[in-house]
PDB file of all heavy atoms in Angstrom:
ATOM      1  N   GLU A   1     -55.923 -49.572 -94.640  1.00  0.00           N
ATOM      2  CA  GLU A   1     -55.921 -50.789 -93.962  1.00  0.00           C
ATOM      3  C   GLU A   1     -54.850 -51.707 -94.364  1.00  0.00           C
ATOM      4  O   GLU A   1     -54.418 -51.667 -95.552  1.00  0.00           O
ATOM      5  CB  GLU A   1     -57.302 -51.618 -94.189  1.00  0.00           C
ATOM      6  CG  GLU A   1     -58.495 -50.847 -93.647  1.00  0.00           C
ATOM      7  CD  GLU A   1     -59.755 -51.617 -93.914  1.00  0.00           C
ATOM      8  OE1 GLU A   1     -59.698 -52.868 -94.146  1.00  0.00           O
ATOM      9  OE2 GLU A   1     -60.881 -51.005 -93.838  1.00  0.00           O
ATOM     10  N   GLU A   2     -54.160 -52.391 -93.467  1.00  0.00           N
ATOM     11  CA  GLU A   2     -53.084 -53.204 -93.767  1.00  0.00           C
ATOM     12  C   GLU A   2     -53.261 -54.113 -95.005  1.00  0.00           C
ATOM     13  O   GLU A   2     -54.183 -54.861 -95.007  1.00  0.00           O
ATOM     14  CB  GLU A   2     -52.669 -54.005 -92.484  1.00  0.00           C
ATOM     15  CG  GLU A   2     -51.317 -54.815 -92.548  1.00  0.00           C
ATOM     16  CD  GLU A   2     -50.197 -53.849 -92.635  1.00  0.00           C
ATOM     17  OE1 GLU A   2     -50.248 -52.789 -91.970  1.00  0.00           O
ATOM     18  OE2 GLU A   2     -49.195 -54.163 -93.338  1.00  0.00           O
ATOM     19  N   GLY A   3     -52.329 -54.084 -95.859  1.00  0.00           N
ATOM     20  CA  GLY A   3     -52.404 -54.898 -97.023  1.00  0.00           C
ATOM     21  C   GLY A   3     -53.244 -54.435 -98.187  1.00  0.00           C
ATOM     22  O   GLY A   3     -53.183 -54.977 -99.275  1.00  0.00           O
ATOM     23  N   LYS A   4     -53.978 -53.350 -98.005  1.00  0.00           N
ATOM     24  CA  LYS A   4     -54.879 -52.927 -99.043  1.00  0.00           C
ATOM     25  C   LYS A   4     -54.234 -51.758 -99.934  1.00  0.00           C
ATOM     26  O   LYS A   4     -54.892 -51.348-100.867  1.00  0.00           O
ATOM     27  CB  LYS A   4     -56.181 -52.438 -98.461  1.00  0.00           C
ATOM     28  CG  LYS A   4     -57.051 -53.523 -97.912  1.00  0.00           C
ATOM     29  CD  LYS A   4     -58.448 -53.108 -97.611  1.00  0.00           C
ATOM     30  CE  LYS A   4     -59.294 -54.291 -97.168  1.00  0.00           C
ATOM     31  NZ  LYS A   4     -60.799 -53.898 -96.880  1.00  0.00           N
ATOM     32  N   GLN A   5     -53.039 -51.323 -99.586  1.00  0.00           N
ATOM     33  CA  GLN A   5     -52.353 -50.290-100.376  1.00  0.00           C
ATOM     34  C   GLN A   5     -52.144 -50.818-101.801  1.00  0.00           C
ATOM     35  O   GLN A   5     -52.233 -50.062-102.817  1.00  0.00           O
ATOM     36  CB  GLN A   5     -51.052 -49.892 -99.838  1.00  0.00           C
ATOM     37  CG  GLN A   5     -51.079 -49.136 -98.472  1.00  0.00           C
ATOM     38  CD  GLN A   5     -51.435 -50.086 -97.348  1.00  0.00           C
ATOM     39  OE1 GLN A   5     -50.813 -51.135 -97.217  1.00  0.00           O
ATOM     40  NE2 GLN A   5     -52.305 -49.666 -96.383  1.00  0.00           N
ATOM     41  N   SER A   6     -51.936 -52.093-102.007  1.00  0.00           N
ATOM     42  CA  SER A   6     -51.633 -52.579-103.322  1.00  0.00           C
ATOM     43  C   SER A   6     -52.879 -52.654-104.232  1.00  0.00           C
ATOM     44  O   SER A   6     -52.702 -52.958-105.404  1.00  0.00           O
ATOM     45  CB  SER A   6     -51.101 -54.108-103.143  1.00  0.00           C
ATOM     46  OG  SER A   6     -52.062 -54.908-102.586  1.00  0.00           O
ATOM     47  N   LEU A   7     -54.058 -52.348-103.746  1.00  0.00           N
ATOM     48  CA  LEU A   7     -55.203 -52.219-104.599  1.00  0.00           C
ATOM     49  C   LEU A   7     -55.048 -51.201-105.638  1.00  0.00           C
ATOM     50  O   LEU A   7     -55.574 -51.321-106.777  1.00  0.00           O
ATOM     51  CB  LEU A   7     -56.432 -51.872-103.763  1.00  0.00           C
ATOM     52  CG  LEU A   7     -57.021 -53.001-102.891  1.00  0.00           C
ATOM     53  CD1 LEU A   7     -58.098 -52.507-102.076  1.00  0.00           C
ATOM     54  CD2 LEU A   7     -57.407 -54.204-103.607  1.00  0.00           C
ATOM     55  N   LEU A   8     -54.229 -50.154-105.291  1.00  0.00           N
ATOM     56  CA  LEU A   8     -53.980 -49.089-106.323  1.00  0.00           C
ATOM     57  C   LEU A   8     -53.120 -49.526-107.546  1.00  0.00           C
ATOM     58  O   LEU A   8     -53.207 -48.791-108.517  1.00  0.00           O
ATOM     59  CB  LEU A   8     -53.283 -47.871-105.605  1.00  0.00           C
ATOM     60  CG  LEU A   8     -54.014 -47.139-104.524  1.00  0.00           C
ATOM     61  CD1 LEU A   8     -53.136 -46.005-103.983  1.00  0.00           C
ATOM     62  CD2 LEU A   8     -55.300 -46.715-105.010  1.00  0.00           C
ATOM     63  N   SER A   9     -52.430 -50.611-107.372  1.00  0.00           N
ATOM     64  CA  SER A   9     -51.669 -51.154-108.490  1.00  0.00           C
ATOM     65  C   SER A   9     -52.344 -52.411-109.090  1.00  0.00           C
ATOM     66  O   SER A   9     -52.226 -52.717-110.254  1.00  0.00           O
ATOM     67  CB  SER A   9     -50.245 -51.539-108.052  1.00  0.00           C
ATOM     68  OG  SER A   9     -50.182 -52.408-107.014  1.00  0.00           O
ATOM     69  N   GLN A  10     -53.111 -53.121-108.328  1.00  0.00           N
ATOM     70  CA  GLN A  10     -53.673 -54.352-108.750  1.00  0.00           C
ATOM     71  C   GLN A  10     -55.032 -54.146-109.459  1.00  0.00           C
ATOM     72  O   GLN A  10     -55.350 -54.964-110.398  1.00  0.00           O
ATOM     73  CB  GLN A  10     -53.932 -55.295-107.524  1.00  0.00           C
ATOM     74  CG  GLN A  10     -52.681 -55.733-106.869  1.00  0.00           C
ATOM     75  CD  GLN A  10     -52.889 -56.558-105.652  1.00  0.00           C
ATOM     76  OE1 GLN A  10     -54.033 -56.630-105.128  1.00  0.00           O
ATOM     77  NE2 GLN A  10     -51.845 -57.166-105.115  1.00  0.00           N
ATOM     78  N   LEU A  11     -55.839 -53.122-109.179  1.00  0.00           N
ATOM     79  CA  LEU A  11     -57.043 -52.971-109.856  1.00  0.00           C
ATOM     80  C   LEU A  11     -56.951 -51.768-110.799  1.00  0.00           C
ATOM     81  O   LEU A  11     -56.656 -50.632-110.414  1.00  0.00           O
ATOM     82  CB  LEU A  11     -58.152 -52.645-108.866  1.00  0.00           C
ATOM     83  CG  LEU A  11     -58.364 -53.702-107.719  1.00  0.00           C
ATOM     84  CD1 LEU A  11     -59.473 -53.356-106.843  1.00  0.00           C
ATOM     85  CD2 LEU A  11     -58.779 -55.002-108.450  1.00  0.00           C
ATOM     86  N   PRO A  12     -57.152 -52.094-112.068  1.00  0.00           N
ATOM     87  CA  PRO A  12     -56.952 -51.021-113.156  1.00  0.00           C
ATOM     88  C   PRO A  12     -57.790 -49.725-112.756  1.00  0.00           C
ATOM     89  O   PRO A  12     -57.311 -48.601-113.005  1.00  0.00           O
ATOM     90  CB  PRO A  12     -57.438 -51.685-114.396  1.00  0.00           C
ATOM     91  CG  PRO A  12     -57.036 -53.058-114.206  1.00  0.00           C
ATOM     92  CD  PRO A  12     -57.346 -53.351-112.701  1.00  0.00           C
ATOM     93  N   ALA A  13     -59.018 -49.883-112.337  1.00  0.00           N
ATOM     94  CA  ALA A  13     -59.888 -48.740-112.113  1.00  0.00           C
ATOM     95  C   ALA A  13     -59.254 -47.841-111.059  1.00  0.00           C
ATOM     96  O   ALA A  13     -59.421 -46.580-111.043  1.00  0.00           O
ATOM     97  CB  ALA A  13     -61.312 -49.190-111.745  1.00  0.00           C
ATOM     98  N   TYR A  14     -58.699 -48.530-109.983  1.00  0.00           N
ATOM     99  CA  TYR A  14     -58.079 -47.755-108.928  1.00  0.00           C
ATOM    100  C   TYR A  14     -56.767 -47.068-109.397  1.00  0.00           C
ATOM    101  O   TYR A  14     -56.471 -45.972-109.026  1.00  0.00           O
ATOM    102  CB  TYR A  14     -57.720 -48.660-107.726  1.00  0.00           C
ATOM    103  CG  TYR A  14     -58.902 -49.030-106.837  1.00  0.00           C
ATOM    104  CD1 TYR A  14     -60.228 -48.953-107.301  1.00  0.00           C
ATOM    105  CD2 TYR A  14     -58.714 -49.537-105.571  1.00  0.00           C
ATOM    106  CE1 TYR A  14     -61.285 -49.272-106.502  1.00  0.00           C
ATOM    107  CE2 TYR A  14     -59.659 -49.949-104.715  1.00  0.00           C
ATOM    108  CZ  TYR A  14     -61.016 -49.742-105.283  1.00  0.00           C
ATOM    109  OH  TYR A  14     -62.136 -50.098-104.405  1.00  0.00           O
ATOM    110  N   ALA A  15     -55.977 -47.769-110.213  1.00  0.00           N
ATOM    111  CA  ALA A  15     -54.749 -47.252-110.692  1.00  0.00           C
ATOM    112  C   ALA A  15     -54.953 -46.010-111.581  1.00  0.00           C
ATOM    113  O   ALA A  15     -54.179 -45.052-111.474  1.00  0.00           O
ATOM    114  CB  ALA A  15     -53.973 -48.331-111.540  1.00  0.00           C
ATOM    115  N   LEU A  16     -56.096 -45.993-112.314  1.00  0.00           N
ATOM    116  CA  LEU A  16     -56.397 -44.880-113.230  1.00  0.00           C
ATOM    117  C   LEU A  16     -57.009 -43.675-112.271  1.00  0.00           C
ATOM    118  O   LEU A  16     -56.679 -42.572-112.468  1.00  0.00           O
ATOM    119  CB  LEU A  16     -57.474 -45.319-114.222  1.00  0.00           C
ATOM    120  CG  LEU A  16     -58.011 -44.240-115.104  1.00  0.00           C
ATOM    121  CD1 LEU A  16     -56.820 -43.334-115.792  1.00  0.00           C
ATOM    122  CD2 LEU A  16     -58.941 -44.703-116.159  1.00  0.00           C
ATOM    123  N   ASP A  17     -57.943 -44.101-111.373  1.00  0.00           N
ATOM    124  CA  ASP A  17     -58.649 -43.133-110.556  1.00  0.00           C
ATOM    125  C   ASP A  17     -57.677 -42.222-109.730  1.00  0.00           C
ATOM    126  O   ASP A  17     -57.770 -41.077-109.599  1.00  0.00           O
ATOM    127  CB  ASP A  17     -59.696 -43.782-109.726  1.00  0.00           C
ATOM    128  CG  ASP A  17     -60.518 -42.741-108.990  1.00  0.00           C
ATOM    129  OD1 ASP A  17     -61.290 -42.019-109.643  1.00  0.00           O
ATOM    130  OD2 ASP A  17     -60.411 -42.583-107.726  1.00  0.00           O
ATOM    131  N   VAL A  18     -56.668 -42.931-109.132  1.00  0.00           N
ATOM    132  CA  VAL A  18     -55.772 -42.181-108.230  1.00  0.00           C
ATOM    133  C   VAL A  18     -54.901 -41.260-109.049  1.00  0.00           C
ATOM    134  O   VAL A  18     -54.550 -40.199-108.650  1.00  0.00           O
ATOM    135  CB  VAL A  18     -54.891 -43.213-107.465  1.00  0.00           C
ATOM    136  CG1 VAL A  18     -53.862 -43.896-108.295  1.00  0.00           C
ATOM    137  CG2 VAL A  18     -54.104 -42.434-106.378  1.00  0.00           C
ATOM    138  N   SER A  19     -54.744 -41.663-110.303  1.00  0.00           N
ATOM    139  CA  SER A  19     -53.902 -40.747-111.239  1.00  0.00           C
ATOM    140  C   SER A  19     -54.795 -39.565-111.649  1.00  0.00           C
ATOM    141  O   SER A  19     -54.312 -38.453-111.791  1.00  0.00           O
ATOM    142  CB  SER A  19     -53.446 -41.508-112.448  1.00  0.00           C
ATOM    143  OG  SER A  19     -52.720 -42.694-112.054  1.00  0.00           O
ATOM    144  N   LEU A  20     -56.042 -39.841-111.881  1.00  0.00           N
ATOM    145  CA  LEU A  20     -56.961 -38.692-112.272  1.00  0.00           C
ATOM    146  C   LEU A  20     -57.169 -37.734-111.043  1.00  0.00           C
ATOM    147  O   LEU A  20     -57.227 -36.573-111.228  1.00  0.00           O
ATOM    148  CB  LEU A  20     -58.301 -39.251-112.648  1.00  0.00           C
ATOM    149  CG  LEU A  20     -58.279 -40.038-113.965  1.00  0.00           C
ATOM    150  CD1 LEU A  20     -59.586 -40.882-114.107  1.00  0.00           C
ATOM    151  CD2 LEU A  20     -58.257 -39.137-115.172  1.00  0.00           C
ATOM    152  N   TRP A  21     -57.210 -38.387-109.895  1.00  0.00           N
ATOM    153  CA  TRP A  21     -57.318 -37.539-108.647  1.00  0.00           C
ATOM    154  C   TRP A  21     -56.154 -36.627-108.490  1.00  0.00           C
ATOM    155  O   TRP A  21     -56.176 -35.400-108.214  1.00  0.00           O
ATOM    156  CB  TRP A  21     -57.434 -38.460-107.401  1.00  0.00           C
ATOM    157  CG  TRP A  21     -57.367 -37.753-106.118  1.00  0.00           C
ATOM    158  CD1 TRP A  21     -58.332 -37.094-105.470  1.00  0.00           C
ATOM    159  CD2 TRP A  21     -56.160 -37.620-105.268  1.00  0.00           C
ATOM    160  NE1 TRP A  21     -57.869 -36.620-104.273  1.00  0.00           N
ATOM    161  CE2 TRP A  21     -56.527 -36.901-104.112  1.00  0.00           C
ATOM    162  CE3 TRP A  21     -54.851 -38.012-105.406  1.00  0.00           C
ATOM    163  CZ2 TRP A  21     -55.626 -36.619-103.097  1.00  0.00           C
ATOM    164  CZ3 TRP A  21     -53.893 -37.763-104.426  1.00  0.00           C
ATOM    165  CH2 TRP A  21     -54.347 -36.973-103.248  1.00  0.00           C
ATOM    166  N   PHE A  22     -54.949 -37.138-108.725  1.00  0.00           N
ATOM    167  CA  PHE A  22     -53.691 -36.457-108.700  1.00  0.00           C
ATOM    168  C   PHE A  22     -53.669 -35.193-109.728  1.00  0.00           C
ATOM    169  O   PHE A  22     -53.331 -34.214-109.392  1.00  0.00           O
ATOM    170  CB  PHE A  22     -52.475 -37.323-108.936  1.00  0.00           C
ATOM    171  CG  PHE A  22     -51.114 -36.591-108.947  1.00  0.00           C
ATOM    172  CD1 PHE A  22     -50.399 -36.460-107.813  1.00  0.00           C
ATOM    173  CD2 PHE A  22     -50.630 -36.092-110.166  1.00  0.00           C
ATOM    174  CE1 PHE A  22     -49.166 -35.791-107.897  1.00  0.00           C
ATOM    175  CE2 PHE A  22     -49.451 -35.393-110.231  1.00  0.00           C
ATOM    176  CZ  PHE A  22     -48.671 -35.286-109.070  1.00  0.00           C
ATOM    177  N   TRP A  23     -54.214 -35.591-110.853  1.00  0.00           N
ATOM    178  CA  TRP A  23     -54.283 -34.607-111.962  1.00  0.00           C
ATOM    179  C   TRP A  23     -55.201 -33.414-111.485  1.00  0.00           C
ATOM    180  O   TRP A  23     -54.819 -32.218-111.689  1.00  0.00           O
ATOM    181  CB  TRP A  23     -54.809 -35.221-113.212  1.00  0.00           C
ATOM    182  CG  TRP A  23     -54.740 -34.393-114.480  1.00  0.00           C
ATOM    183  CD1 TRP A  23     -55.731 -33.595-114.933  1.00  0.00           C
ATOM    184  CD2 TRP A  23     -53.652 -34.466-115.392  1.00  0.00           C
ATOM    185  NE1 TRP A  23     -55.279 -33.064-116.112  1.00  0.00           N
ATOM    186  CE2 TRP A  23     -54.078 -33.562-116.456  1.00  0.00           C
ATOM    187  CE3 TRP A  23     -52.466 -35.071-115.494  1.00  0.00           C
ATOM    188  CZ2 TRP A  23     -53.199 -33.365-117.603  1.00  0.00           C
ATOM    189  CZ3 TRP A  23     -51.601 -34.828-116.584  1.00  0.00           C
ATOM    190  CH2 TRP A  23     -51.979 -33.921-117.562  1.00  0.00           C
ATOM    191  N   LYS A  24     -56.339 -33.823-110.953  1.00  0.00           N
ATOM    192  CA  LYS A  24     -57.286 -32.713-110.521  1.00  0.00           C
ATOM    193  C   LYS A  24     -56.667 -31.913-109.302  1.00  0.00           C
ATOM    194  O   LYS A  24     -56.894 -30.672-109.261  1.00  0.00           O
ATOM    195  CB  LYS A  24     -58.602 -33.342-110.209  1.00  0.00           C
ATOM    196  CG  LYS A  24     -59.652 -32.336-109.821  1.00  0.00           C
ATOM    197  CD  LYS A  24     -61.079 -33.013-109.507  1.00  0.00           C
ATOM    198  CE  LYS A  24     -62.115 -32.022-109.178  1.00  0.00           C
ATOM    199  NZ  LYS A  24     -63.394 -32.638-108.910  1.00  0.00           N
ATOM    200  N   LYS A  25     -56.174 -32.582-108.356  1.00  0.00           N
ATOM    201  CA  LYS A  25     -55.674 -31.963-107.165  1.00  0.00           C
ATOM    202  C   LYS A  25     -54.586 -30.991-107.499  1.00  0.00           C
ATOM    203  O   LYS A  25     -54.519 -29.884-106.800  1.00  0.00           O
ATOM    204  CB  LYS A  25     -55.105 -33.085-106.247  1.00  0.00           C
ATOM    205  CG  LYS A  25     -54.487 -32.562-104.902  1.00  0.00           C
ATOM    206  CD  LYS A  25     -53.922 -33.685-104.099  1.00  0.00           C
ATOM    207  CE  LYS A  25     -53.140 -33.209-102.906  1.00  0.00           C
ATOM    208  NZ  LYS A  25     -53.976 -32.362-101.973  1.00  0.00           N
ATOM    209  N   ASN A  26     -53.837 -31.267-108.521  1.00  0.00           N
ATOM    210  CA  ASN A  26     -52.753 -30.299-108.940  1.00  0.00           C
ATOM    211  C   ASN A  26     -53.121 -29.403-110.045  1.00  0.00           C
ATOM    212  O   ASN A  26     -52.262 -28.727-110.607  1.00  0.00           O
ATOM    213  CB  ASN A  26     -51.558 -31.124-109.237  1.00  0.00           C
ATOM    214  CG  ASN A  26     -50.884 -31.743-108.010  1.00  0.00           C
ATOM    215  OD1 ASN A  26     -50.192 -31.100-107.310  1.00  0.00           O
ATOM    216  ND2 ASN A  26     -51.121 -33.038-107.759  1.00  0.00           N
ATOM    217  N   ASN A  27     -54.399 -29.349-110.363  1.00  0.00           N
ATOM    218  CA  ASN A  27     -54.932 -28.448-111.359  1.00  0.00           C
ATOM    219  C   ASN A  27     -54.175 -28.472-112.691  1.00  0.00           C
ATOM    220  O   ASN A  27     -53.819 -27.402-113.315  1.00  0.00           O
ATOM    221  CB  ASN A  27     -54.907 -27.034-110.870  1.00  0.00           C
ATOM    222  CG  ASN A  27     -55.782 -26.023-111.631  1.00  0.00           C
ATOM    223  OD1 ASN A  27     -56.795 -26.459-112.240  1.00  0.00           O
ATOM    224  ND2 ASN A  27     -55.345 -24.725-111.641  1.00  0.00           N
ATOM    225  N   LEU A  28     -53.950 -29.717-113.149  1.00  0.00           N
ATOM    226  CA  LEU A  28     -53.098 -29.807-114.356  1.00  0.00           C
ATOM    227  C   LEU A  28     -53.872 -29.631-115.623  1.00  0.00           C
ATOM    228  O   LEU A  28     -53.283 -29.469-116.647  1.00  0.00           O
ATOM    229  CB  LEU A  28     -52.397 -31.196-114.313  1.00  0.00           C
ATOM    230  CG  LEU A  28     -51.481 -31.465-113.158  1.00  0.00           C
ATOM    231  CD1 LEU A  28     -50.835 -32.779-113.261  1.00  0.00           C
ATOM    232  CD2 LEU A  28     -50.321 -30.334-113.243  1.00  0.00           C
ATOM    233  N   ASN A  29     -55.206 -29.543-115.524  1.00  0.00           N
ATOM    234  CA  ASN A  29     -55.982 -29.179-116.703  1.00  0.00           C
ATOM    235  C   ASN A  29     -55.624 -27.815-117.211  1.00  0.00           C
ATOM    236  O   ASN A  29     -55.594 -27.576-118.432  1.00  0.00           O
ATOM    237  CB  ASN A  29     -57.477 -29.278-116.479  1.00  0.00           C
ATOM    238  CG  ASN A  29     -58.021 -30.665-116.641  1.00  0.00           C
ATOM    239  OD1 ASN A  29     -57.406 -31.513-117.326  1.00  0.00           O
ATOM    240  ND2 ASN A  29     -59.168 -30.966-115.998  1.00  0.00           N
ATOM    241  N   SER A  30     -55.395 -26.894-116.230  1.00  0.00           N
ATOM    242  CA  SER A  30     -55.021 -25.563-116.587  1.00  0.00           C
ATOM    243  C   SER A  30     -53.659 -25.490-117.338  1.00  0.00           C
ATOM    244  O   SER A  30     -53.511 -24.710-118.225  1.00  0.00           O
ATOM    245  CB  SER A  30     -54.971 -24.686-115.327  1.00  0.00           C
ATOM    246  OG  SER A  30     -53.853 -25.074-114.521  1.00  0.00           O
ATOM    247  N   LYS A  31     -52.720 -26.423-117.027  1.00  0.00           N
ATOM    248  CA  LYS A  31     -51.447 -26.366-117.739  1.00  0.00           C
ATOM    249  C   LYS A  31     -51.645 -27.090-119.112  1.00  0.00           C
ATOM    250  O   LYS A  31     -51.008 -26.664-120.053  1.00  0.00           O
ATOM    251  CB  LYS A  31     -50.450 -27.154-116.879  1.00  0.00           C
ATOM    252  CG  LYS A  31     -50.179 -26.642-115.588  1.00  0.00           C
ATOM    253  CD  LYS A  31     -49.755 -25.204-115.609  1.00  0.00           C
ATOM    254  CE  LYS A  31     -49.364 -24.642-114.234  1.00  0.00           C
ATOM    255  NZ  LYS A  31     -49.051 -23.214-114.216  1.00  0.00           N
ATOM    256  N   ALA A  32     -52.570 -28.046-119.122  1.00  0.00           N
ATOM    257  CA  ALA A  32     -52.859 -28.714-120.425  1.00  0.00           C
ATOM    258  C   ALA A  32     -53.432 -27.733-121.376  1.00  0.00           C
ATOM    259  O   ALA A  32     -53.229 -27.732-122.640  1.00  0.00           O
ATOM    260  CB  ALA A  32     -53.666 -29.915-120.166  1.00  0.00           C
ATOM    261  N   ASP A  33     -54.375 -26.931-120.828  1.00  0.00           N
ATOM    262  CA  ASP A  33     -55.051 -25.862-121.684  1.00  0.00           C
ATOM    263  C   ASP A  33     -54.072 -24.913-122.428  1.00  0.00           C
ATOM    264  O   ASP A  33     -54.485 -24.416-123.509  1.00  0.00           O
ATOM    265  CB  ASP A  33     -56.038 -25.141-120.861  1.00  0.00           C
ATOM    266  CG  ASP A  33     -57.236 -25.998-120.454  1.00  0.00           C
ATOM    267  OD1 ASP A  33     -57.450 -26.996-121.069  1.00  0.00           O
ATOM    268  OD2 ASP A  33     -57.959 -25.639-119.440  1.00  0.00           O
ATOM    269  N   ILE A  34     -52.962 -24.646-121.860  1.00  0.00           N
ATOM    270  CA  ILE A  34     -51.999 -23.779-122.493  1.00  0.00           C
ATOM    271  C   ILE A  34     -50.816 -24.589-123.059  1.00  0.00           C
ATOM    272  O   ILE A  34     -49.864 -24.060-123.512  1.00  0.00           O
ATOM    273  CB  ILE A  34     -51.434 -22.763-121.488  1.00  0.00           C
ATOM    274  CG1 ILE A  34     -50.860 -23.390-120.332  1.00  0.00           C
ATOM    275  CG2 ILE A  34     -52.506 -21.837-121.060  1.00  0.00           C
ATOM    276  CD1 ILE A  34     -50.129 -22.379-119.335  1.00  0.00           C
ATOM    277  N   ASP A  35     -51.020 -25.978-123.142  1.00  0.00           N
ATOM    278  CA  ASP A  35     -50.068 -26.878-123.881  1.00  0.00           C
ATOM    279  C   ASP A  35     -48.690 -26.766-123.237  1.00  0.00           C
ATOM    280  O   ASP A  35     -47.673 -26.814-123.938  1.00  0.00           O
ATOM    281  CB  ASP A  35     -50.018 -26.439-125.415  1.00  0.00           C
ATOM    282  CG  ASP A  35     -49.623 -27.558-126.246  1.00  0.00           C
ATOM    283  OD1 ASP A  35     -49.627 -28.684-125.723  1.00  0.00           O
ATOM    284  OD2 ASP A  35     -49.278 -27.373-127.425  1.00  0.00           O
ATOM    285  N   ASP A  36     -48.661 -26.695-121.956  1.00  0.00           N
ATOM    286  CA  ASP A  36     -47.356 -26.629-121.196  1.00  0.00           C
ATOM    287  C   ASP A  36     -46.875 -27.892-120.595  1.00  0.00           C
ATOM    288  O   ASP A  36     -47.193 -28.305-119.477  1.00  0.00           O
ATOM    289  CB  ASP A  36     -47.581 -25.502-120.106  1.00  0.00           C
ATOM    290  CG  ASP A  36     -46.156 -25.160-119.466  1.00  0.00           C
ATOM    291  OD1 ASP A  36     -45.212 -25.815-119.770  1.00  0.00           O
ATOM    292  OD2 ASP A  36     -46.137 -24.164-118.716  1.00  0.00           O
ATOM    293  N   ILE A  37     -46.273 -28.762-121.411  1.00  0.00           N
ATOM    294  CA  ILE A  37     -45.807 -30.019-121.050  1.00  0.00           C
ATOM    295  C   ILE A  37     -44.734 -29.974-119.999  1.00  0.00           C
ATOM    296  O   ILE A  37     -44.606 -30.801-119.160  1.00  0.00           O
ATOM    297  CB  ILE A  37     -45.371 -30.888-122.274  1.00  0.00           C
ATOM    298  CG1 ILE A  37     -45.137 -32.373-121.848  1.00  0.00           C
ATOM    299  CG2 ILE A  37     -44.178 -30.265-122.979  1.00  0.00           C
ATOM    300  CD1 ILE A  37     -44.836 -33.270-123.004  1.00  0.00           C
ATOM    301  N   ARG A  38     -43.967 -28.944-119.984  1.00  0.00           N
ATOM    302  CA  ARG A  38     -42.824 -28.776-119.021  1.00  0.00           C
ATOM    303  C   ARG A  38     -43.363 -28.562-117.699  1.00  0.00           C
ATOM    304  O   ARG A  38     -42.922 -29.267-116.662  1.00  0.00           O
ATOM    305  CB  ARG A  38     -41.820 -27.716-119.451  1.00  0.00           C
ATOM    306  CG  ARG A  38     -41.004 -27.939-120.690  1.00  0.00           C
ATOM    307  CD  ARG A  38     -40.102 -26.793-120.910  1.00  0.00           C
ATOM    308  NE  ARG A  38     -39.101 -26.564-119.744  1.00  0.00           N
ATOM    309  CZ  ARG A  38     -37.992 -27.264-119.577  1.00  0.00           C
ATOM    310  NH1 ARG A  38     -37.630 -28.208-120.414  1.00  0.00           N
ATOM    311  NH2 ARG A  38     -37.261 -26.989-118.511  1.00  0.00           N
ATOM    312  N   ALA A  39     -44.469 -27.749-117.543  1.00  0.00           N
ATOM    313  CA  ALA A  39     -45.017 -27.498-116.200  1.00  0.00           C
ATOM    314  C   ALA A  39     -45.612 -28.840-115.654  1.00  0.00           C
ATOM    315  O   ALA A  39     -45.596 -29.086-114.467  1.00  0.00           O
ATOM    316  CB  ALA A  39     -46.024 -26.353-116.297  1.00  0.00           C
ATOM    317  N   ILE A  40     -46.298 -29.462-116.512  1.00  0.00           N
ATOM    318  CA  ILE A  40     -46.934 -30.722-116.047  1.00  0.00           C
ATOM    319  C   ILE A  40     -45.999 -31.767-115.690  1.00  0.00           C
ATOM    320  O   ILE A  40     -46.125 -32.468-114.641  1.00  0.00           O
ATOM    321  CB  ILE A  40     -47.909 -31.258-117.312  1.00  0.00           C
ATOM    322  CG1 ILE A  40     -49.023 -30.236-117.607  1.00  0.00           C
ATOM    323  CG2 ILE A  40     -48.556 -32.570-116.850  1.00  0.00           C
ATOM    324  CD1 ILE A  40     -49.888 -30.688-118.811  1.00  0.00           C
TER     325      ILE A  40
END
């Protein structure tokens, strides 16, 4: 909705959640498990 995009930066819980979502969506736990900082 118009004007609500900034919630992702204004609310800490949203700022963290969207980053966690990105992490899961890109299966970055699998890269962390093999300690691959370059791939992440």
